[in-house]
């Protein structure tokens, strides 16, 4: 499974999608086809410190999702 958060112009998470990841970057290709800005997130907190949720902020400097 792959997890991606869409962020708005203010880096606020507006939705999170979960999809298949049967091949490398399959999930990324799907969310990019929807338009918008997407950042990979990890349900296991393996990357970006927290699993993204609606209302979280993506901090580019820390490369992390910050809870509200």
PDB file of N, CA and C in Angstrom:
ATOM      1  N   UNK A   1       0.844  -1.181   0.000  1.00  0.00           N
ATOM      2  CA  UNK A   1       0.000   0.000   0.000  1.00  0.00           C
ATOM      3  C   UNK A   1       0.880   1.232   0.000  1.00  0.00           C
ATOM      4  N   UNK A   2       0.413   2.236  -0.687  1.00  0.00           N
ATOM      5  CA  UNK A   2       1.106   3.517  -0.680  1.00  0.00           C
ATOM      6  C   UNK A   2       0.135   4.580  -0.180  1.00  0.00           C
ATOM      7  N   UNK A   3       0.682   5.576   0.502  1.00  0.00           N
ATOM      8  CA  UNK A   3      -0.124   6.634   1.114  1.00  0.00           C
ATOM      9  C   UNK A   3       0.430   7.982   0.671  1.00  0.00           C
ATOM     10  N   UNK A   4      -0.470   8.857   0.228  1.00  0.00           N
ATOM     11  CA  UNK A   4      -0.062  10.173  -0.234  1.00  0.00           C
ATOM     12  C   UNK A   4      -1.009  11.229   0.305  1.00  0.00           C
ATOM     13  N   UNK A   5      -0.431  12.373   0.699  1.00  0.00           N
ATOM     14  CA  UNK A   5      -1.213  13.507   1.187  1.00  0.00           C
ATOM     15  C   UNK A   5      -1.179  14.615   0.143  1.00  0.00           C
ATOM     16  N   UNK A   6      -2.341  15.178  -0.126  1.00  0.00           N
ATOM     17  CA  UNK A   6      -2.406  16.352  -1.005  1.00  0.00           C
ATOM     18  C   UNK A   6      -2.345  17.589  -0.132  1.00  0.00           C
ATOM     19  N   UNK A   7      -1.482  18.529  -0.508  1.00  0.00           N
ATOM     20  CA  UNK A   7      -1.371  19.770   0.250  1.00  0.00           C
ATOM     21  C   UNK A   7      -1.809  20.944  -0.619  1.00  0.00           C
ATOM     22  N   UNK A   8      -2.320  21.983   0.048  1.00  0.00           N
ATOM     23  CA  UNK A   8      -2.743  23.194  -0.661  1.00  0.00           C
ATOM     24  C   UNK A   8      -1.584  24.183  -0.738  1.00  0.00           C
ATOM     25  N   UNK A   9      -1.858  25.387  -1.192  1.00  0.00           N
ATOM     26  CA  UNK A   9      -0.824  26.407  -1.367  1.00  0.00           C
ATOM     27  C   UNK A   9      -0.174  26.823  -0.052  1.00  0.00           C
ATOM     28  N   UNK A  10      -0.848  26.567   1.078  1.00  0.00           N
ATOM     29  CA  UNK A  10      -0.306  26.902   2.398  1.00  0.00           C
ATOM     30  C   UNK A  10       0.311  25.702   3.095  1.00  0.00           C
ATOM     31  N   UNK A  11       0.519  24.621   2.344  1.00  0.00           N
ATOM     32  CA  UNK A  11       1.100  23.369   2.853  1.00  0.00           C
ATOM     33  C   UNK A  11       0.205  22.656   3.862  1.00  0.00           C
ATOM     34  N   UNK A  12      -1.088  22.928   3.844  1.00  0.00           N
ATOM     35  CA  UNK A  12      -2.041  22.220   4.706  1.00  0.00           C
ATOM     36  C   UNK A  12      -2.534  20.988   3.963  1.00  0.00           C
ATOM     37  N   UNK A  13      -2.622  19.876   4.683  1.00  0.00           N
ATOM     38  CA  UNK A  13      -3.124  18.642   4.094  1.00  0.00           C
ATOM     39  C   UNK A  13      -4.630  18.756   3.905  1.00  0.00           C
ATOM     40  N   UNK A  14      -5.077  18.505   2.670  1.00  0.00           N
ATOM     41  CA  UNK A  14      -6.507  18.593   2.376  1.00  0.00           C
ATOM     42  C   UNK A  14      -7.140  17.222   2.132  1.00  0.00           C
ATOM     43  N   UNK A  15      -6.314  16.215   1.816  1.00  0.00           N
ATOM     44  CA  UNK A  15      -6.811  14.842   1.730  1.00  0.00           C
ATOM     45  C   UNK A  15      -5.634  13.875   1.694  1.00  0.00           C
ATOM     46  N   UNK A  16      -5.943  12.641   2.084  1.00  0.00           N
ATOM     47  CA  UNK A  16      -4.941  11.576   2.078  1.00  0.00           C
ATOM     48  C   UNK A  16      -5.553  10.392   1.330  1.00  0.00           C
ATOM     49  N   UNK A  17      -4.807   9.856   0.378  1.00  0.00           N
ATOM     50  CA  UNK A  17      -5.282   8.713  -0.385  1.00  0.00           C
ATOM     51  C   UNK A  17      -4.366   7.515  -0.176  1.00  0.00           C
ATOM     52  N   UNK A  18      -4.975   6.355  -0.189  1.00  0.00           N
ATOM     53  CA  UNK A  18      -4.252   5.097  -0.048  1.00  0.00           C
ATOM     54  C   UNK A  18      -4.506   4.300  -1.317  1.00  0.00           C
ATOM     55  N   UNK A  19      -3.445   3.719  -1.857  1.00  0.00           N
ATOM     56  CA  UNK A  19      -3.619   2.950  -3.082  1.00  0.00           C
ATOM     57  C   UNK A  19      -2.679   1.776  -3.152  1.00  0.00           C
ATOM     58  N   UNK A  20      -2.830   1.028  -4.235  1.00  0.00           N
ATOM     59  CA  UNK A  20      -1.946  -0.110  -4.487  1.00  0.00           C
ATOM     60  C   UNK A  20      -0.554   0.384  -4.823  1.00  0.00           C
ATOM     61  N   UNK A  21       0.393  -0.456  -4.583  1.00  0.00           N
ATOM     62  CA  UNK A  21       1.768  -0.155  -4.939  1.00  0.00           C
ATOM     63  C   UNK A  21       2.409  -1.444  -5.449  1.00  0.00           C
ATOM     64  N   UNK A  22       1.750  -2.038  -6.462  1.00  0.00           N
ATOM     65  CA  UNK A  22       2.215  -3.309  -6.993  1.00  0.00           C
ATOM     66  C   UNK A  22       3.512  -3.175  -7.767  1.00  0.00           C
ATOM     67  N   UNK A  23       3.744  -2.000  -8.345  1.00  0.00           N
ATOM     68  CA  UNK A  23       4.993  -1.733  -9.046  1.00  0.00           C
ATOM     69  C   UNK A  23       5.589  -0.450  -8.481  1.00  0.00           C
ATOM     70  N   UNK A  24       6.852  -0.249  -8.691  1.00  0.00           N
ATOM     71  CA  UNK A  24       7.524   0.938  -8.150  1.00  0.00           C
ATOM     72  C   UNK A  24       6.824   2.207  -8.611  1.00  0.00           C
ATOM     73  N   UNK A  25       6.510   3.078  -7.673  1.00  0.00           N
ATOM     74  CA  UNK A  25       5.911   4.390  -7.922  1.00  0.00           C
ATOM     75  C   UNK A  25       4.536   4.342  -8.574  1.00  0.00           C
ATOM     76  N   UNK A  26       3.855   3.196  -8.532  1.00  0.00           N
ATOM     77  CA  UNK A  26       2.506   3.105  -9.092  1.00  0.00           C
ATOM     78  C   UNK A  26       1.559   4.090  -8.400  1.00  0.00           C
ATOM     79  N   UNK A  27       1.603   4.133  -7.084  1.00  0.00           N
ATOM     80  CA  UNK A  27       0.731   5.035  -6.335  1.00  0.00           C
ATOM     81  C   UNK A  27       1.002   6.484  -6.662  1.00  0.00           C
ATOM     82  N   UNK A  28       2.261   6.844  -6.804  1.00  0.00           N
ATOM     83  CA  UNK A  28       2.620   8.217  -7.137  1.00  0.00           C
ATOM     84  C   UNK A  28       2.050   8.606  -8.492  1.00  0.00           C
ATOM     85  N   UNK A  29       2.127   7.736  -9.468  1.00  0.00           N
ATOM     86  CA  UNK A  29       1.599   8.030 -10.798  1.00  0.00           C
ATOM     87  C   UNK A  29       0.093   8.282 -10.739  1.00  0.00           C
ATOM     88  N   UNK A  30      -0.606   7.525  -9.935  1.00  0.00           N
ATOM     89  CA  UNK A  30      -2.060   7.691  -9.818  1.00  0.00           C
ATOM     90  C   UNK A  30      -2.407   9.046  -9.217  1.00  0.00           C
ATOM     91  N   UNK A  31      -1.789   9.415  -8.093  1.00  0.00           N
ATOM     92  CA  UNK A  31      -2.155  10.685  -7.462  1.00  0.00           C
ATOM     93  C   UNK A  31      -1.704  11.872  -8.309  1.00  0.00           C
ATOM     94  N   UNK A  32      -0.578  11.760  -8.986  1.00  0.00           N
ATOM     95  CA  UNK A  32      -0.140  12.856  -9.845  1.00  0.00           C
ATOM     96  C   UNK A  32      -1.102  13.061 -11.005  1.00  0.00           C
ATOM     97  N   UNK A  33      -1.755  12.009 -11.454  1.00  0.00           N
ATOM     98  CA  UNK A  33      -2.729  12.149 -12.538  1.00  0.00           C
ATOM     99  C   UNK A  33      -3.959  12.941 -12.097  1.00  0.00           C
ATOM    100  N   UNK A  34      -4.154  13.090 -10.791  1.00  0.00           N
ATOM    101  CA  UNK A  34      -5.280  13.855 -10.254  1.00  0.00           C
ATOM    102  C   UNK A  34      -4.997  15.349 -10.211  1.00  0.00           C
ATOM    103  N   UNK A  35      -3.736  15.732 -10.403  1.00  0.00           N
ATOM    104  CA  UNK A  35      -3.352  17.135 -10.271  1.00  0.00           C
ATOM    105  C   UNK A  35      -3.090  17.470  -8.810  1.00  0.00           C
ATOM    106  N   UNK A  36      -2.622  18.662  -8.556  1.00  0.00           N
ATOM    107  CA  UNK A  36      -2.327  19.075  -7.192  1.00  0.00           C
ATOM    108  C   UNK A  36      -0.916  18.708  -6.784  1.00  0.00           C
ATOM    109  N   UNK A  37      -0.619  18.972  -5.524  1.00  0.00           N
ATOM    110  CA  UNK A  37       0.699  18.678  -4.960  1.00  0.00           C
ATOM    111  C   UNK A  37       0.555  17.542  -3.966  1.00  0.00           C
ATOM    112  N   UNK A  38       1.297  16.475  -4.197  1.00  0.00           N
ATOM    113  CA  UNK A  38       1.201  15.272  -3.376  1.00  0.00           C
ATOM    114  C   UNK A  38       2.538  14.956  -2.723  1.00  0.00           C
ATOM    115  N   UNK A  39       2.486  14.561  -1.453  1.00  0.00           N
ATOM    116  CA  UNK A  39       3.663  14.191  -0.681  1.00  0.00           C
ATOM    117  C   UNK A  39       3.416  12.794  -0.109  1.00  0.00           C
ATOM    118  N   UNK A  40       4.396  11.919  -0.246  1.00  0.00           N
ATOM    119  CA  UNK A  40       4.246  10.577   0.306  1.00  0.00           C
ATOM    120  C   UNK A  40       4.266  10.642   1.831  1.00  0.00           C
ATOM    121  N   UNK A  41       3.420   9.835   2.452  1.00  0.00           N
ATOM    122  CA  UNK A  41       3.370   9.734   3.903  1.00  0.00           C
ATOM    123  C   UNK A  41       3.417   8.264   4.281  1.00  0.00           C
ATOM    124  N   UNK A  42       3.731   7.962   5.505  1.00  0.00           N
ATOM    125  CA  UNK A  42       3.873   6.578   5.932  1.00  0.00           C
ATOM    126  C   UNK A  42       2.986   6.302   7.136  1.00  0.00           C
ATOM    127  N   UNK A  43       2.135   5.286   6.998  1.00  0.00           N
ATOM    128  CA  UNK A  43       1.276   4.872   8.095  1.00  0.00           C
ATOM    129  C   UNK A  43       2.093   4.401   9.289  1.00  0.00           C
ATOM    130  N   UNK A  44       3.288   3.893   9.029  1.00  0.00           N
ATOM    131  CA  UNK A  44       4.174   3.414  10.093  1.00  0.00           C
ATOM    132  C   UNK A  44       5.116   4.493  10.601  1.00  0.00           C
ATOM    133  N   UNK A  45       4.935   5.730  10.155  1.00  0.00           N
ATOM    134  CA  UNK A  45       5.783   6.864  10.534  1.00  0.00           C
ATOM    135  C   UNK A  45       7.242   6.652  10.136  1.00  0.00           C
ATOM    136  N   UNK A  46       7.482   5.876   9.077  1.00  0.00           N
ATOM    137  CA  UNK A  46       8.845   5.618   8.607  1.00  0.00           C
ATOM    138  C   UNK A  46       9.476   6.852   7.976  1.00  0.00           C
ATOM    139  N   UNK A  47       8.650   7.726   7.451  1.00  0.00           N
ATOM    140  CA  UNK A  47       9.132   8.956   6.818  1.00  0.00           C
ATOM    141  C   UNK A  47       8.282  10.129   7.287  1.00  0.00           C
ATOM    142  N   UNK A  48       8.843  11.300   7.288  1.00  0.00           N
ATOM    143  CA  UNK A  48       8.157  12.563   7.570  1.00  0.00           C
ATOM    144  C   UNK A  48       7.524  12.622   8.962  1.00  0.00           C
ATOM    145  N   UNK A  49       8.065  11.867   9.892  1.00  0.00           N
ATOM    146  CA  UNK A  49       7.765  11.928  11.328  1.00  0.00           C
ATOM    147  C   UNK A  49       6.355  11.526  11.735  1.00  0.00           C
ATOM    148  N   UNK A  50       5.340  11.922  10.984  1.00  0.00           N
ATOM    149  CA  UNK A  50       3.957  11.602  11.322  1.00  0.00           C
ATOM    150  C   UNK A  50       3.213  11.167  10.074  1.00  0.00           C
ATOM    151  N   UNK A  51       2.205  10.319  10.264  1.00  0.00           N
ATOM    152  CA  UNK A  51       1.295  10.007   9.171  1.00  0.00           C
ATOM    153  C   UNK A  51       0.427  11.239   8.955  1.00  0.00           C
ATOM    154  N   UNK A  52       0.348  11.705   7.726  1.00  0.00           N
ATOM    155  CA  UNK A  52      -0.406  12.927   7.436  1.00  0.00           C
ATOM    156  C   UNK A  52      -1.895  12.719   7.673  1.00  0.00           C
ATOM    157  N   UNK A  53      -2.525  13.742   8.193  1.00  0.00           N
ATOM    158  CA  UNK A  53      -3.969  13.756   8.363  1.00  0.00           C
ATOM    159  C   UNK A  53      -4.500  15.092   7.887  1.00  0.00           C
ATOM    160  N   UNK A  54      -5.778  15.142   7.584  1.00  0.00           N
ATOM    161  CA  UNK A  54      -6.388  16.391   7.153  1.00  0.00           C
ATOM    162  C   UNK A  54      -6.166  17.437   8.236  1.00  0.00           C
ATOM    163  N   UNK A  55      -5.692  18.611   7.825  1.00  0.00           N
ATOM    164  CA  UNK A  55      -5.408  19.686   8.765  1.00  0.00           C
ATOM    165  C   UNK A  55      -3.960  19.745   9.212  1.00  0.00           C
ATOM    166  N   UNK A  56      -3.193  18.697   8.955  1.00  0.00           N
ATOM    167  CA  UNK A  56      -1.761  18.733   9.264  1.00  0.00           C
ATOM    168  C   UNK A  56      -1.079  19.714   8.321  1.00  0.00           C
ATOM    169  N   UNK A  57       0.102  20.168   8.698  1.00  0.00           N
ATOM    170  CA  UNK A  57       0.901  21.060   7.864  1.00  0.00           C
ATOM    171  C   UNK A  57       2.173  20.333   7.461  1.00  0.00           C
ATOM    172  N   UNK A  58       2.542  20.476   6.186  1.00  0.00           N
ATOM    173  CA  UNK A  58       3.804  19.914   5.732  1.00  0.00           C
ATOM    174  C   UNK A  58       4.874  20.984   5.857  1.00  0.00           C
ATOM    175  N   UNK A  59       5.905  20.702   6.646  1.00  0.00           N
ATOM    176  CA  UNK A  59       7.026  21.623   6.831  1.00  0.00           C
ATOM    177  C   UNK A  59       8.160  21.164   5.916  1.00  0.00           C
ATOM    178  N   UNK A  60       8.415  21.937   4.860  1.00  0.00           N
ATOM    179  CA  UNK A  60       9.440  21.569   3.886  1.00  0.00           C
ATOM    180  C   UNK A  60      10.839  21.536   4.503  1.00  0.00           C
ATOM    181  N   UNK A  61      11.116  22.469   5.389  1.00  0.00           N
ATOM    182  CA  UNK A  61      12.437  22.547   6.005  1.00  0.00           C
ATOM    183  C   UNK A  61      12.743  21.274   6.805  1.00  0.00           C
ATOM    184  N   UNK A  62      11.761  20.799   7.555  1.00  0.00           N
ATOM    185  CA  UNK A  62      11.939  19.587   8.363  1.00  0.00           C
ATOM    186  C   UNK A  62      11.609  18.310   7.590  1.00  0.00           C
ATOM    187  N   UNK A  63      10.969  18.476   6.420  1.00  0.00           N
ATOM    188  CA  UNK A  63      10.451  17.344   5.649  1.00  0.00           C
ATOM    189  C   UNK A  63       9.586  16.479   6.552  1.00  0.00           C
ATOM    190  N   UNK A  64       8.604  17.155   7.186  1.00  0.00           N
ATOM    191  CA  UNK A  64       7.762  16.477   8.177  1.00  0.00           C
ATOM    192  C   UNK A  64       6.327  17.000   8.129  1.00  0.00           C
ATOM    193  N   UNK A  65       5.387  16.110   8.491  1.00  0.00           N
ATOM    194  CA  UNK A  65       3.997  16.530   8.687  1.00  0.00           C
ATOM    195  C   UNK A  65       3.828  16.873  10.153  1.00  0.00           C
ATOM    196  N   UNK A  66       3.291  18.062  10.412  1.00  0.00           N
ATOM    197  CA  UNK A  66       3.126  18.565  11.773  1.00  0.00           C
ATOM    198  C   UNK A  66       1.637  18.558  12.104  1.00  0.00           C
ATOM    199  N   UNK A  67       1.280  17.976  13.248  1.00  0.00           N
ATOM    200  CA  UNK A  67      -0.130  17.919  13.645  1.00  0.00           C
ATOM    201  C   UNK A  67      -0.649  19.308  13.987  1.00  0.00           C
ATOM    202  N   UNK A  68      -1.963  19.497  13.815  1.00  0.00           N
ATOM    203  CA  UNK A  68      -2.543  20.823  14.123  1.00  0.00           C
ATOM    204  C   UNK A  68      -2.473  21.143  15.602  1.00  0.00           C
TER     205      UNK A  68
END
